[in-house]
Amino acid sequence: MAYILSIESSCDDTSAAVLNDDRLLSNVIASQKVHEQYGGVVPELASRAHQHNIVPVVDKALKDAGIDKRQLDAIAFTRGPGLLGSLLVGVSFAKSFAQALDIPLIEINHLQAHVLSHFIRTNDDYVPPQFPFMCLLVSGGHTQIILLHSHFDIEIIGQTIDDAAGEAIDKAAKIMDLGYPGGPIIDRLARDGNPNAFQFATPNIAGFDYSFSGIKTSFLYFLRDKLVVDPDFIEKNKADLCASIQECIVSFLLKKFEKAALKYRVRQVAIAGGVSANSRLRSGIAALGEKHHWRVFTPTLQFCTDNAAMVGIAGYFKYLKGEFADISLPPYTR
């Protein structure tokens, strides 16, 4: 039995969690509202906020878990990818804390952690995915179709060649001046709109790769032409615009994912990453599961966005293999 403290600081959320083997004991997240006025994450402000939050967040995670720091067996931390300044805060804290307690360090890839979040156990009845299974990883910075043969034997089947799906959604929200973060706002407004009200161009990319820059450009040009005729077009059609652009992006995501899952004959599929909180994506993957009799895994909302629990479960599996990190390892951005 191992107690693992995990730390996530790759972007604008400071998070710490404690796991007892694969069971989650606590998961604390401090979000940064300072970025809202800028319409996106400001790296320097993010790293400063991490410095302010890291100690109280870790302290609360330990208290919520009901354990003392001297009971910890290892510390897992996000090494990358992410914002360099933000990563440095988490990496430096993890190294110092591990050295002070004389326990091993475990370095974690942020993207692998998102995928492995499906193995976090919060109750005794939960049955995690069985290998092999396929996962659609969709976040603000990454879009990938991944085939998992084991926890760390991961094959990338397809990925975006330019922008990520989350970037396209956020860009659409910014064009319409909806606020930040744009994804949840578009998802909320889309529930009152008609997803077939407007049509936008979808790129024709070979294989299982994605491209979202063309969708962004199509949406921008569409609005530009409409606004010339009617300056109030966005305000009058906000819900329909949100529903239509969301439908365009999600349908594109699921069409390729369905083809990949059928080609590789998997019977279990999952979604992960920040955009996996999107209601249209969640209902869409559920519909595919019913259509093909797949077992579908959708993460609970607390595991969709950046969080330390997913870092902890990845750390647990590395702990079992004895894969510990050297204290000299630096963070990486890509």
Protein backbone atom coordinates (compact mmCIF):
# COMPACT_ATOMS: atom_id res chain seq x y z
CA MET A 1 0.00 0.00 0.00
CA ALA A 2 1.44 3.34 -1.09
CA TYR A 3 0.48 6.93 -0.38
CA ILE A 4 1.32 9.19 -3.32
CA LEU A 5 1.14 12.98 -3.34
CA SER A 6 0.74 14.40 -6.83
CA ILE A 7 1.18 17.94 -8.14
CA GLU A 8 -0.17 19.53 -11.32
CA SER A 9 0.86 23.03 -12.45
CA SER A 10 1.13 22.84 -16.23
CA CYS A 11 -1.07 25.83 -17.05
CA ASP A 12 -3.37 27.97 -14.91
CA ASP A 13 -4.66 25.51 -12.27
CA THR A 14 -2.65 24.65 -9.17
CA SER A 15 -3.66 21.21 -7.97
CA ALA A 16 -2.54 18.62 -5.44
CA ALA A 17 -3.99 15.19 -4.73
CA VAL A 18 -3.34 12.21 -2.49
CA LEU A 19 -3.93 8.62 -3.58
CA ASN A 20 -3.75 5.41 -1.60
CA ASP A 21 -2.70 3.05 -4.37
CA ASP A 22 -5.34 3.69 -7.07
CA ARG A 23 -7.95 5.11 -4.66
CA LEU A 24 -8.37 8.88 -4.54
CA LEU A 25 -8.30 10.38 -1.05
CA SER A 26 -8.23 14.08 -1.95
CA ASN A 27 -8.06 16.34 -4.98
CA VAL A 28 -7.65 20.09 -4.45
CA ILE A 29 -7.68 22.61 -7.30
CA ALA A 30 -7.04 26.36 -7.12
CA SER A 31 -8.16 28.10 -10.31
CA GLN A 32 -6.81 31.47 -11.46
CA LYS A 33 -9.44 34.08 -12.33
CA VAL A 34 -6.80 36.73 -13.03
CA HIS A 35 -6.71 35.68 -16.71
CA GLU A 36 -10.37 36.40 -17.46
CA GLN A 37 -9.80 40.10 -18.17
CA TYR A 38 -7.18 39.22 -20.79
CA GLY A 39 -9.24 36.61 -22.65
CA GLY A 40 -6.55 33.93 -22.21
CA VAL A 41 -3.79 32.67 -19.97
CA VAL A 42 -0.95 35.12 -19.31
CA PRO A 43 2.10 32.93 -18.57
CA GLU A 44 3.84 35.33 -16.16
CA LEU A 45 0.67 35.85 -14.13
CA ALA A 46 0.06 32.11 -14.10
CA SER A 47 3.47 31.28 -12.64
CA ARG A 48 3.08 33.95 -9.95
CA ALA A 49 -0.32 32.56 -8.97
CA HIS A 50 1.16 29.05 -8.75
CA GLN A 51 3.79 30.32 -6.34
CA HIS A 52 1.06 31.81 -4.19
CA ASN A 53 -1.17 28.71 -4.29
CA ILE A 54 1.18 25.72 -4.15
CA VAL A 55 1.78 25.53 -0.39
CA PRO A 56 -1.84 25.97 0.78
CA VAL A 57 -3.11 23.61 -1.92
CA VAL A 58 -0.70 20.84 -0.89
CA ASP A 59 -1.45 21.43 2.77
CA LYS A 60 -5.20 21.12 2.16
CA ALA A 61 -4.75 17.96 0.05
CA LEU A 62 -2.89 16.27 2.91
CA LYS A 63 -5.46 17.39 5.48
CA ASP A 64 -8.40 16.29 3.31
CA ALA A 65 -6.73 12.90 2.87
CA GLY A 66 -6.30 12.60 6.62
CA ILE A 67 -2.60 11.74 6.48
CA ASP A 68 0.66 13.28 7.62
CA LYS A 69 3.37 14.18 5.13
CA ARG A 70 5.67 11.62 6.77
CA GLN A 71 3.32 8.85 5.59
CA LEU A 72 3.96 9.66 1.93
CA ASP A 73 5.82 7.06 -0.15
CA ALA A 74 6.43 9.13 -3.30
CA ILE A 75 5.66 12.42 -5.00
CA ALA A 76 4.42 12.52 -8.60
CA PHE A 77 4.58 15.75 -10.59
CA THR A 78 3.71 17.01 -14.05
CA ARG A 79 6.97 17.49 -15.90
CA GLY A 80 5.36 18.61 -19.17
CA PRO A 81 4.09 19.63 -21.60
CA GLY A 82 2.87 23.02 -20.46
CA LEU A 83 3.92 26.59 -19.71
CA LEU A 84 7.54 26.67 -18.58
CA GLY A 85 7.08 29.13 -15.71
CA SER A 86 4.06 27.27 -14.38
CA LEU A 87 5.77 23.89 -14.61
CA LEU A 88 8.85 25.21 -12.83
CA VAL A 89 6.78 26.01 -9.73
CA GLY A 90 5.35 22.51 -9.44
CA VAL A 91 8.55 20.72 -10.40
CA SER A 92 10.67 22.74 -7.96
CA PHE A 93 8.24 22.21 -5.11
CA ALA A 94 8.02 18.47 -5.78
CA LYS A 95 11.81 18.13 -5.84
CA SER A 96 12.26 20.07 -2.62
CA PHE A 97 9.48 18.25 -0.79
CA ALA A 98 10.70 14.82 -1.90
CA GLN A 99 14.26 15.63 -0.90
CA ALA A 100 13.15 16.87 2.52
CA LEU A 101 11.12 13.69 3.12
CA ASP A 102 13.73 11.41 1.50
CA ILE A 103 11.16 9.77 -0.80
CA PRO A 104 11.29 9.14 -4.56
CA LEU A 105 10.09 11.43 -7.32
CA ILE A 106 7.91 10.30 -10.23
CA GLU A 107 7.77 12.45 -13.38
CA ILE A 108 4.53 12.40 -15.38
CA ASN A 109 3.56 13.39 -18.90
CA HIS A 110 0.49 15.61 -18.71
CA LEU A 111 -1.22 14.01 -21.72
CA GLN A 112 -0.71 10.45 -20.47
CA ALA A 113 -2.19 11.53 -17.17
CA HIS A 114 -5.38 12.71 -18.85
CA VAL A 115 -5.83 9.33 -20.52
CA LEU A 116 -5.04 7.35 -17.37
CA SER A 117 -7.59 9.34 -15.35
CA HIS A 118 -10.04 6.55 -16.22
CA PHE A 119 -8.21 4.30 -13.75
CA ILE A 120 -8.82 6.51 -10.71
CA ARG A 121 -10.90 4.58 -8.22
CA THR A 122 -13.39 6.59 -6.18
CA ASN A 123 -15.59 3.65 -5.12
CA ASP A 124 -15.37 -0.13 -4.85
CA ASP A 125 -17.88 -0.77 -7.66
CA TYR A 126 -15.93 1.01 -10.39
CA VAL A 127 -14.45 -1.22 -13.11
CA PRO A 128 -11.73 0.57 -15.15
CA PRO A 129 -11.12 0.02 -18.88
CA GLN A 130 -9.61 -3.24 -20.08
CA PHE A 131 -6.78 -3.22 -22.60
CA PRO A 132 -6.74 -2.59 -25.46
CA PHE A 133 -8.98 0.44 -25.61
CA MET A 134 -9.06 3.64 -27.65
CA CYS A 135 -9.18 7.16 -26.26
CA LEU A 136 -9.98 10.48 -27.89
CA LEU A 137 -7.84 13.06 -26.09
CA VAL A 138 -9.25 16.54 -26.63
CA SER A 139 -7.95 19.63 -24.85
CA GLY A 140 -7.14 23.27 -25.51
CA GLY A 141 -3.72 22.40 -26.87
CA HIS A 142 -3.93 18.77 -28.03
CA THR A 143 -6.17 16.52 -30.09
CA GLN A 144 -5.16 12.87 -30.48
CA ILE A 145 -6.65 9.45 -31.12
CA ILE A 146 -4.74 7.04 -28.90
CA LEU A 147 -4.74 3.25 -28.75
CA LEU A 148 -3.67 1.91 -25.36
CA HIS A 149 -2.17 -1.59 -25.18
CA SER A 150 -1.20 -1.08 -21.53
CA HIS A 151 -0.86 1.84 -19.13
CA PHE A 152 2.27 3.14 -20.83
CA ASP A 153 2.23 1.28 -24.16
CA ILE A 154 0.45 4.01 -26.09
CA GLU A 155 0.10 4.24 -29.88
CA ILE A 156 -0.96 7.54 -31.48
CA ILE A 157 -3.34 6.68 -34.31
CA GLY A 158 -4.11 10.24 -35.36
CA GLN A 159 -3.59 13.80 -34.20
CA THR A 160 -4.12 17.39 -35.25
CA ILE A 161 -1.70 18.80 -37.80
CA ASP A 162 -2.30 22.39 -36.69
CA ASP A 163 -4.72 23.76 -34.09
CA ALA A 164 -6.47 21.67 -31.44
CA ALA A 165 -10.25 21.30 -31.10
CA GLY A 166 -10.24 23.27 -27.87
CA GLU A 167 -8.38 26.12 -29.55
CA ALA A 168 -11.00 26.25 -32.31
CA ILE A 169 -13.84 26.44 -29.78
CA ASP A 170 -12.09 29.12 -27.74
CA LYS A 171 -11.32 31.12 -30.90
CA ALA A 172 -14.97 31.01 -31.92
CA ALA A 173 -15.95 32.29 -28.48
CA LYS A 174 -13.39 35.08 -28.73
CA ILE A 175 -14.63 36.14 -32.18
CA MET A 176 -18.15 36.43 -30.73
CA ASP A 177 -16.79 38.21 -27.62
CA LEU A 178 -18.41 35.69 -25.28
CA GLY A 179 -15.76 35.81 -22.56
CA TYR A 180 -13.14 33.45 -21.16
CA PRO A 181 -12.89 30.50 -20.93
CA GLY A 182 -14.89 30.18 -24.12
CA GLY A 183 -15.57 26.44 -24.22
CA PRO A 184 -18.02 26.21 -21.30
CA ILE A 185 -19.81 29.37 -22.48
CA ILE A 186 -20.35 27.99 -26.00
CA ASP A 187 -21.51 24.68 -24.53
CA ARG A 188 -24.06 26.44 -22.31
CA LEU A 189 -25.43 28.73 -25.04
CA ALA A 190 -25.55 25.87 -27.57
CA ARG A 191 -28.20 24.06 -25.53
CA ASP A 192 -30.74 26.68 -26.62
CA GLY A 193 -29.63 26.76 -30.26
CA ASN A 194 -30.18 24.83 -33.48
CA PRO A 195 -27.04 22.80 -34.37
CA ASN A 196 -28.10 22.75 -38.03
CA ALA A 197 -28.78 26.48 -38.36
CA PHE A 198 -25.46 27.24 -40.06
CA GLN A 199 -22.94 25.12 -41.95
CA PHE A 200 -19.16 25.57 -41.81
CA ALA A 201 -16.44 23.99 -43.92
CA THR A 202 -14.85 20.80 -42.58
CA PRO A 203 -11.32 19.93 -43.79
CA ASN A 204 -10.70 16.75 -45.75
CA ILE A 205 -7.60 15.27 -44.08
CA ALA A 206 -6.36 11.82 -45.02
CA GLY A 207 -6.22 9.03 -42.47
CA PHE A 208 -7.09 9.73 -38.86
CA ASP A 209 -5.38 13.12 -38.50
CA TYR A 210 -7.31 16.31 -37.74
CA SER A 211 -7.09 19.95 -38.78
CA PHE A 212 -9.04 22.77 -37.15
CA SER A 213 -7.48 25.92 -38.59
CA GLY A 214 -9.79 25.75 -41.61
CA ILE A 215 -12.88 25.52 -39.41
CA LYS A 216 -11.76 28.64 -37.53
CA THR A 217 -11.17 30.51 -40.80
CA SER A 218 -14.52 29.40 -42.21
CA PHE A 219 -16.31 30.64 -39.09
CA LEU A 220 -14.46 33.96 -39.15
CA TYR A 221 -15.23 34.67 -42.82
CA PHE A 222 -18.85 33.62 -42.37
CA LEU A 223 -19.33 36.12 -39.54
CA ARG A 224 -17.45 38.86 -41.38
CA ASP A 225 -19.81 38.63 -44.34
CA LYS A 226 -22.91 38.52 -42.13
CA LEU A 227 -21.82 41.49 -40.02
CA VAL A 228 -21.38 43.67 -43.09
CA VAL A 229 -25.10 43.29 -43.79
CA ASP A 230 -26.30 43.15 -40.16
CA PRO A 231 -24.03 44.49 -37.37
CA ASP A 232 -26.27 42.77 -34.79
CA PHE A 233 -26.09 39.35 -36.44
CA ILE A 234 -24.08 37.71 -33.63
CA GLU A 235 -26.35 38.99 -30.88
CA LYS A 236 -29.47 37.90 -32.76
CA ASN A 237 -28.14 34.42 -33.53
CA LYS A 238 -25.81 33.72 -30.60
CA ALA A 239 -27.35 30.42 -29.50
CA ASP A 240 -27.60 29.05 -33.06
CA LEU A 241 -24.02 30.10 -33.83
CA CYS A 242 -22.74 28.35 -30.71
CA ALA A 243 -24.74 25.22 -31.43
CA SER A 244 -23.64 25.12 -35.07
CA ILE A 245 -19.90 25.62 -34.50
CA GLN A 246 -19.95 23.11 -31.65
CA GLU A 247 -21.77 20.58 -33.83
CA CYS A 248 -19.27 21.10 -36.66
CA ILE A 249 -16.24 20.50 -34.43
CA VAL A 250 -17.65 17.60 -32.40
CA SER A 251 -19.04 15.79 -35.45
CA PHE A 252 -15.64 16.06 -37.11
CA LEU A 253 -13.96 14.67 -33.99
CA LEU A 254 -16.32 11.72 -33.62
CA LYS A 255 -16.43 10.80 -37.32
CA LYS A 256 -12.70 10.10 -37.42
CA PHE A 257 -12.70 8.49 -34.00
CA GLU A 258 -15.49 6.10 -34.99
CA LYS A 259 -13.59 5.03 -38.12
CA ALA A 260 -10.40 4.45 -36.10
CA ALA A 261 -12.18 2.40 -33.44
CA LEU A 262 -13.84 0.23 -36.09
CA LYS A 263 -10.59 -0.30 -37.97
CA TYR A 264 -8.73 -1.41 -34.84
CA ARG A 265 -11.73 -3.44 -33.63
CA VAL A 266 -11.72 -2.16 -30.07
CA ARG A 267 -14.72 -2.78 -27.87
CA GLN A 268 -13.99 -0.11 -25.27
CA VAL A 269 -13.60 3.61 -25.97
CA ALA A 270 -13.01 6.72 -23.89
CA ILE A 271 -12.66 10.49 -24.07
CA ALA A 272 -10.31 12.62 -21.98
CA GLY A 273 -8.98 16.17 -21.66
CA GLY A 274 -10.65 19.49 -20.99
CA VAL A 275 -13.04 19.29 -23.94
CA SER A 276 -14.34 15.93 -22.66
CA ALA A 277 -16.52 18.07 -20.36
CA ASN A 278 -18.42 19.28 -23.45
CA SER A 279 -22.00 17.99 -23.32
CA ARG A 280 -22.26 17.42 -27.09
CA LEU A 281 -19.07 15.36 -27.13
CA ARG A 282 -20.23 13.32 -24.13
CA SER A 283 -23.61 12.57 -25.67
CA GLY A 284 -22.00 11.85 -29.03
CA ILE A 285 -19.56 9.26 -27.67
CA ALA A 286 -22.40 7.68 -25.70
CA ALA A 287 -24.45 7.39 -28.90
CA LEU A 288 -21.54 5.69 -30.67
CA GLY A 289 -21.33 3.25 -27.78
CA GLU A 290 -24.98 2.32 -28.17
CA LYS A 291 -24.64 2.06 -31.95
CA HIS A 292 -21.64 -0.30 -31.90
CA HIS A 293 -22.18 -1.93 -28.48
CA TRP A 294 -18.97 -0.42 -27.13
CA ARG A 295 -18.27 0.13 -23.47
CA VAL A 296 -17.81 3.91 -23.14
CA PHE A 297 -15.79 5.78 -20.50
CA THR A 298 -16.43 9.48 -19.92
CA PRO A 299 -14.50 11.11 -17.07
CA THR A 300 -16.34 12.80 -14.23
CA LEU A 301 -16.16 16.57 -14.60
CA GLN A 302 -13.52 16.97 -11.89
CA PHE A 303 -11.14 14.80 -13.94
CA CYS A 304 -11.74 16.56 -17.29
CA THR A 305 -9.82 19.75 -16.60
CA ASP A 306 -6.23 19.83 -15.34
CA ASN A 307 -6.06 18.14 -11.93
CA ALA A 308 -3.54 16.34 -9.75
CA ALA A 309 -5.64 13.19 -9.34
CA MET A 310 -4.80 12.12 -12.89
CA VAL A 311 -1.12 12.81 -12.22
CA GLY A 312 -1.38 10.67 -9.10
CA ILE A 313 -2.86 7.64 -10.85
CA ALA A 314 -0.17 7.79 -13.53
CA GLY A 315 2.36 8.08 -10.72
CA TYR A 316 0.92 5.03 -8.98
CA PHE A 317 1.43 2.82 -12.03
CA LYS A 318 5.00 4.08 -12.39
CA TYR A 319 5.54 3.49 -8.67
CA LEU A 320 4.57 -0.16 -9.15
CA LYS A 321 7.24 -0.45 -11.87
CA GLY A 322 9.86 1.37 -9.81
CA GLU A 323 10.24 4.12 -12.42
CA PHE A 324 11.55 7.02 -10.37
CA ALA A 325 12.89 10.35 -11.60
CA ASP A 326 16.27 11.90 -11.03
CA ILE A 327 16.17 15.19 -9.14
CA SER A 328 18.06 16.92 -11.98
CA LEU A 329 15.27 16.46 -14.54
CA PRO A 330 14.02 19.81 -15.91
CA PRO A 331 10.43 20.49 -17.08
CA TYR A 332 9.63 20.49 -20.80
CA THR A 333 7.12 22.60 -22.71
CA ARG A 334 6.37 20.30 -25.67
